[in-house]
Structures are given as structure tokens and as C-alpha cells.
Amino acid sequence: MAARRGRRSAVLRRRDARLKTALAGGGLLLLILLVVVWSAIWAYVVGTLLICSLGVLAGWLWRTDRLLRRRDRSWREAEAVKAGHRTLAEVDAMSGTEFEELVAGLCRRDGCTEVRRVGGAGDNGADVLGRLPDGRAMVVQCKRYAPSSSIASREVRDLLGAKVHFKADVAIFVTTTRFTRPSETFALENDIVALHRDHLGLWNNGTTITSLMGVNGEGQGDGRHRVRWKKTYEA
């Protein structure tokens, strides 16, 4: 019995040895074959790896672009909703800087590009710079005044100087109050877009800047309108 077990173990050991020898020989043969044909196939192997890598990179860039566009669209929609929920009373309570940021945000909402706030000391008469959706350069002056006040001609003249300084195509004056008759006349004579309080309210609630440019010089009414304005805001 013991002799039989010994013979069986010897047979198994020889079988394992032959299997290991065959595997080693097969591996060596495969290595030799790879070395022999590598000079002929290396370009295809490298090309395949390069194409796969470019495909992975392109897919990653596409997904990243979609994610950034989705985030930008969500931000614009949120800003548009936020702007539409503001009341003019809330705008009146803003600081000058906050009002400038509001105007810059409304410009971006309407598709203006390269919009940036530049207001502050030494701003050369400009608070916001950018480009309209059609590509024209714009310069914007923002005045958050009490509704009972008004915009004088000299302030509009300052914006005309800023238009020249910044080589802008369009000058826009945005205010929370109204323009005096001389200042409004000066604006119209010099192609300055004068957005008074009523225009600001429309803009804040969704009307685009380009639409408001089409009604420049309108909306402040006649003498009776100014009397009602004074009763409302100067009381």
C-alpha cells in the first residue's frame, strides 16, 4: 500500500514538473515572438494607446464643459430670479457699490460680455464697463440717489467725458431717481442712454437693456407727472 502511494506521488511530481517546464517554455517562446515582431507592431500598439488616451481626454473635456455650462446657466437663472424679486425700495437701501453690482449683474443677465465694475476713486466717470450683446463697447454710470433728488446736467456731461476716455460706443446713465429736463435733453442730444427710475424698475423686472435703449428719452412724462413725482417722493 505504501509502495503504491509512493509511485502515485512520484507520478504527480513528474506531471507537475512537465507542466512547469511547458509553461516556462511557452512563456519564453511568447517573449521571443514578441521581441521578433515588436519592430513591426510597435507603431500600431503605440497608436492604439494614443487614440484611447485622446478619447478619454476628449470625453473628460466634454463632460467638464457640460458641467461648467450647466453651472453657468444655473447661476444666470438664479441671478435673473433674484433680480426680478428685488423691489425698488430694496434698491434704494443699497450702498453705492451694491447698486453698481446690481447694474453689472443686470447687464450680464441680458447677455452683455466682459462686464466688470470699475467704480471707485479715480474711476474716470465710469462705474461699469463691458460690451453689449452685439459687441459694442459700453460705459455705464450708476447713481443711487434718493427718489426725491434729480440728475443734473453736469453729471451727464461727466459720462460723456468717460465715453471719450474709454473709447466706448455707447454710454448709459442709470439712476434711482429722475433727470432734470436740461440733463435729459443733453443726454438725447449726445446719444447717451438715460435710464431713470421707471426704466430701472422695468429693467429690474426683466426688460432687456437693448429694449430700454429703444425708448430712451421717454417715460418721465410732462409737468403734471413731475408734480405727482414731487408729491410722492418729496412729501
Protein backbone atom coordinates (compact mmCIF):
# COMPACT_ATOMS: atom_id res chain seq x y z
CA MET A 1 0.00 0.00 0.00
CA ALA A 2 2.77 2.36 0.92
CA ALA A 3 4.64 1.47 -2.26
CA ARG A 4 1.55 2.30 -4.32
CA ARG A 5 1.18 5.67 -2.66
CA GLY A 6 4.87 6.38 -3.32
CA ARG A 7 4.55 5.56 -7.03
CA ARG A 8 1.47 7.81 -7.30
CA SER A 9 3.29 10.70 -5.64
CA ALA A 10 6.23 10.24 -7.99
CA VAL A 11 3.88 10.32 -11.00
CA LEU A 12 2.23 13.52 -9.75
CA ARG A 13 5.61 15.17 -9.17
CA ARG A 14 6.75 14.30 -12.69
CA ARG A 15 3.46 15.64 -14.12
CA ASP A 16 3.87 18.92 -12.21
CA ALA A 17 7.45 19.22 -13.40
CA ARG A 18 6.43 18.67 -17.05
CA LEU A 19 3.63 21.26 -16.67
CA LYS A 20 6.03 23.84 -15.22
CA THR A 21 8.53 23.11 -17.98
CA ALA A 22 5.81 23.54 -20.64
CA LEU A 23 4.64 26.81 -19.14
CA ALA A 24 8.17 28.15 -18.91
CA GLY A 25 8.83 27.12 -22.49
CA GLY A 26 5.59 28.71 -23.69
CA GLY A 27 6.39 31.94 -21.90
CA LEU A 28 9.89 32.01 -23.34
CA LEU A 29 8.54 31.30 -26.83
CA LEU A 30 5.98 34.11 -26.46
CA LEU A 31 8.69 36.50 -25.29
CA ILE A 32 10.93 35.58 -28.24
CA LEU A 33 7.99 36.01 -30.63
CA LEU A 34 7.17 39.42 -29.14
CA VAL A 35 10.79 40.55 -29.47
CA VAL A 36 10.91 39.37 -33.06
CA VAL A 37 7.69 41.06 -34.19
CA TRP A 38 7.88 44.16 -31.93
CA SER A 39 9.62 46.21 -34.58
CA ALA A 40 6.65 45.59 -36.87
CA ILE A 41 3.80 46.12 -34.41
CA TRP A 42 5.11 48.78 -32.01
CA ALA A 43 3.67 51.63 -34.09
CA TYR A 44 0.21 50.05 -34.02
CA VAL A 45 0.40 49.42 -30.29
CA VAL A 46 1.52 52.98 -29.54
CA GLY A 47 -1.08 54.38 -31.95
CA THR A 48 -3.85 52.39 -30.29
CA LEU A 49 -2.78 53.56 -26.83
CA LEU A 50 -2.57 57.17 -28.06
CA ILE A 51 -6.04 57.04 -29.64
CA CYS A 52 -7.50 55.55 -26.47
CA SER A 53 -5.83 58.25 -24.37
CA LEU A 54 -7.12 61.02 -26.64
CA GLY A 55 -10.59 59.52 -26.48
CA VAL A 56 -10.52 59.50 -22.69
CA LEU A 57 -9.21 63.10 -22.62
CA ALA A 58 -11.85 64.28 -25.08
CA GLY A 59 -14.59 62.63 -23.04
CA TRP A 60 -13.31 64.27 -19.86
CA LEU A 61 -13.14 67.69 -21.52
CA TRP A 62 -16.65 67.30 -22.93
CA ARG A 63 -18.09 66.32 -19.53
CA THR A 64 -16.23 69.20 -17.85
CA ASP A 65 -17.52 71.69 -20.43
CA ARG A 66 -21.10 70.46 -19.99
CA LEU A 67 -20.77 70.74 -16.20
CA LEU A 68 -19.40 74.29 -16.37
CA ARG A 69 -22.08 75.36 -18.85
CA ARG A 70 -24.78 73.86 -16.64
CA ARG A 71 -23.41 75.67 -13.58
CA ASP A 72 -23.17 78.96 -15.51
CA ARG A 73 -26.73 78.59 -16.78
CA SER A 74 -27.98 77.81 -13.27
CA TRP A 75 -26.14 80.86 -11.91
CA ARG A 76 -27.63 83.13 -14.58
CA GLU A 77 -31.11 81.79 -13.94
CA ALA A 78 -30.70 82.25 -10.19
CA GLU A 79 -29.44 85.81 -10.70
CA ALA A 80 -32.34 86.59 -13.01
CA VAL A 81 -34.85 85.30 -10.47
CA LYS A 82 -33.11 87.18 -7.68
CA ALA A 83 -33.12 90.40 -9.70
CA GLY A 84 -36.79 90.01 -10.51
CA HIS A 85 -37.63 89.68 -6.82
CA ARG A 86 -35.95 92.94 -5.83
CA THR A 87 -38.14 95.94 -5.26
CA LEU A 88 -37.08 99.50 -5.91
CA ALA A 89 -37.37 100.08 -2.16
CA GLU A 90 -34.68 97.40 -1.67
CA VAL A 91 -32.57 99.06 -4.36
CA ASP A 92 -32.95 102.41 -2.56
CA ALA A 93 -31.50 100.80 0.57
CA MET A 94 -28.37 99.60 -1.24
CA SER A 95 -24.96 101.19 -0.94
CA GLY A 96 -23.42 102.78 -4.00
CA THR A 97 -21.20 99.73 -4.54
CA GLU A 98 -24.13 97.33 -4.20
CA PHE A 99 -26.08 99.34 -6.75
CA GLU A 100 -23.16 99.15 -9.18
CA GLU A 101 -23.01 95.38 -8.66
CA LEU A 102 -26.76 95.18 -9.33
CA VAL A 103 -26.38 97.06 -12.61
CA ALA A 104 -23.42 94.88 -13.63
CA GLY A 105 -25.48 91.78 -12.85
CA LEU A 106 -28.42 93.02 -14.94
CA CYS A 107 -26.03 93.62 -17.85
CA ARG A 108 -24.72 90.06 -17.59
CA ARG A 109 -28.26 88.72 -17.38
CA ASP A 110 -29.07 90.38 -20.70
CA GLY A 111 -26.11 88.80 -22.49
CA CYS A 112 -23.53 91.57 -22.15
CA THR A 113 -19.94 90.34 -22.07
CA GLU A 114 -16.66 91.40 -20.43
CA VAL A 115 -18.74 93.16 -17.76
CA ARG A 116 -16.77 94.48 -14.82
CA ARG A 117 -17.34 97.03 -12.09
CA VAL A 118 -14.72 99.77 -12.07
CA GLY A 119 -16.40 102.35 -9.82
CA GLY A 120 -14.45 103.96 -7.03
CA ALA A 121 -11.79 106.60 -6.56
CA GLY A 122 -10.27 107.61 -9.86
CA ASP A 123 -12.86 105.76 -11.94
CA ASN A 124 -12.75 108.45 -14.66
CA GLY A 125 -16.53 108.77 -14.65
CA ALA A 126 -17.29 105.07 -15.18
CA ASP A 127 -18.81 102.55 -12.79
CA VAL A 128 -19.32 99.57 -15.11
CA LEU A 129 -17.59 98.63 -18.36
CA GLY A 130 -18.42 95.88 -20.82
CA ARG A 131 -19.82 95.02 -24.20
CA LEU A 132 -23.43 94.88 -25.34
CA PRO A 133 -24.70 91.60 -26.86
CA ASP A 134 -23.94 92.99 -30.34
CA GLY A 135 -20.29 93.60 -29.38
CA ARG A 136 -20.36 97.39 -28.94
CA ALA A 137 -18.27 98.70 -26.05
CA MET A 138 -20.32 100.35 -23.31
CA VAL A 139 -19.57 102.57 -20.35
CA VAL A 140 -22.12 102.85 -17.54
CA GLN A 141 -22.50 105.48 -14.82
CA CYS A 142 -24.61 104.48 -11.79
CA LYS A 143 -26.18 106.97 -9.39
CA ARG A 144 -28.15 105.63 -6.45
CA TYR A 145 -29.80 108.82 -5.26
CA ALA A 146 -32.91 109.37 -3.15
CA PRO A 147 -36.00 109.40 -5.40
CA SER A 148 -36.70 112.98 -4.31
CA SER A 149 -33.47 114.20 -5.90
CA SER A 150 -32.62 114.55 -9.60
CA ILE A 151 -29.70 114.20 -12.00
CA ALA A 152 -28.13 117.49 -13.08
CA SER A 153 -26.65 118.17 -16.49
CA ARG A 154 -23.07 118.29 -15.23
CA GLU A 155 -23.28 114.64 -14.15
CA VAL A 156 -24.41 113.59 -17.60
CA ARG A 157 -21.58 115.65 -19.11
CA ASP A 158 -19.14 113.71 -16.94
CA LEU A 159 -20.40 110.50 -18.53
CA LEU A 160 -19.85 111.96 -21.98
CA GLY A 161 -16.24 112.54 -20.99
CA ALA A 162 -15.97 108.95 -19.75
CA LYS A 163 -17.32 107.71 -23.09
CA VAL A 164 -14.49 109.50 -24.87
CA HIS A 165 -11.88 108.40 -22.30
CA PHE A 166 -12.77 104.71 -22.55
CA LYS A 167 -13.40 104.87 -26.33
CA ALA A 168 -16.86 103.37 -25.77
CA ASP A 169 -19.52 103.10 -28.44
CA VAL A 170 -22.46 103.51 -26.03
CA ALA A 171 -22.80 105.49 -22.79
CA ILE A 172 -25.54 104.53 -20.31
CA PHE A 173 -26.60 106.53 -17.25
CA VAL A 174 -28.61 104.53 -14.70
CA THR A 175 -30.22 106.16 -11.69
CA THR A 176 -32.78 105.52 -8.98
CA THR A 177 -34.26 108.97 -9.50
CA ARG A 178 -35.20 111.19 -12.48
CA PHE A 179 -33.35 113.50 -14.85
CA THR A 180 -33.96 117.22 -14.98
CA ARG A 181 -35.27 118.47 -18.28
CA PRO A 182 -31.89 120.02 -19.27
CA SER A 183 -29.97 116.84 -18.33
CA GLU A 184 -32.37 114.64 -20.29
CA THR A 185 -32.11 116.95 -23.29
CA PHE A 186 -28.31 116.88 -23.08
CA ALA A 187 -28.35 113.08 -22.94
CA LEU A 188 -30.55 112.77 -26.01
CA GLU A 189 -28.52 115.31 -27.98
CA ASN A 190 -25.32 113.37 -27.26
CA ASP A 191 -26.66 109.81 -27.76
CA ILE A 192 -26.47 108.94 -24.07
CA VAL A 193 -28.94 106.34 -22.83
CA ALA A 194 -30.68 107.88 -19.80
CA LEU A 195 -32.35 105.21 -17.65
CA HIS A 196 -34.45 106.90 -14.97
CA ARG A 197 -36.24 105.24 -12.04
CA ASP A 198 -39.16 103.90 -14.07
CA HIS A 199 -36.80 102.41 -16.65
CA LEU A 200 -34.76 100.87 -13.83
CA GLY A 201 -37.89 99.24 -12.47
CA LEU A 202 -38.62 97.72 -15.89
CA TRP A 203 -35.03 96.56 -16.26
CA ASN A 204 -35.02 95.02 -12.81
CA ASN A 205 -38.22 93.09 -13.63
CA GLY A 206 -36.93 91.51 -16.85
CA THR A 207 -36.96 94.06 -19.67
CA THR A 208 -33.63 93.86 -21.52
CA ILE A 209 -31.17 96.70 -21.74
CA THR A 210 -31.40 96.71 -25.55
CA SER A 211 -35.19 97.13 -25.34
CA LEU A 212 -34.82 100.07 -22.95
CA MET A 213 -32.34 101.71 -25.30
CA GLY A 214 -35.15 101.83 -27.84
CA VAL A 215 -37.32 104.02 -25.57
CA ASN A 216 -34.56 106.38 -24.49
CA GLY A 217 -35.92 109.81 -23.54
CA GLU A 218 -39.42 108.57 -22.77
CA GLY A 219 -41.28 107.74 -19.60
CA GLN A 220 -40.66 110.81 -17.43
CA GLY A 221 -43.91 112.39 -18.50
CA ASP A 222 -44.93 116.03 -18.63
CA GLY A 223 -45.23 118.74 -15.99
CA ARG A 224 -48.18 117.01 -14.29
CA HIS A 225 -46.12 113.83 -13.96
CA ARG A 226 -43.31 115.80 -12.28
CA VAL A 227 -45.79 117.34 -9.86
CA ARG A 228 -47.06 113.89 -8.88
CA TRP A 229 -43.45 112.71 -8.57
CA LYS A 230 -42.68 115.50 -6.10
CA LYS A 231 -45.81 114.76 -4.09
CA THR A 232 -44.83 111.10 -3.91
CA TYR A 233 -41.16 111.41 -3.06
CA GLU A 234 -40.71 114.83 -1.53
CA ALA A 235 -43.52 114.63 0.97
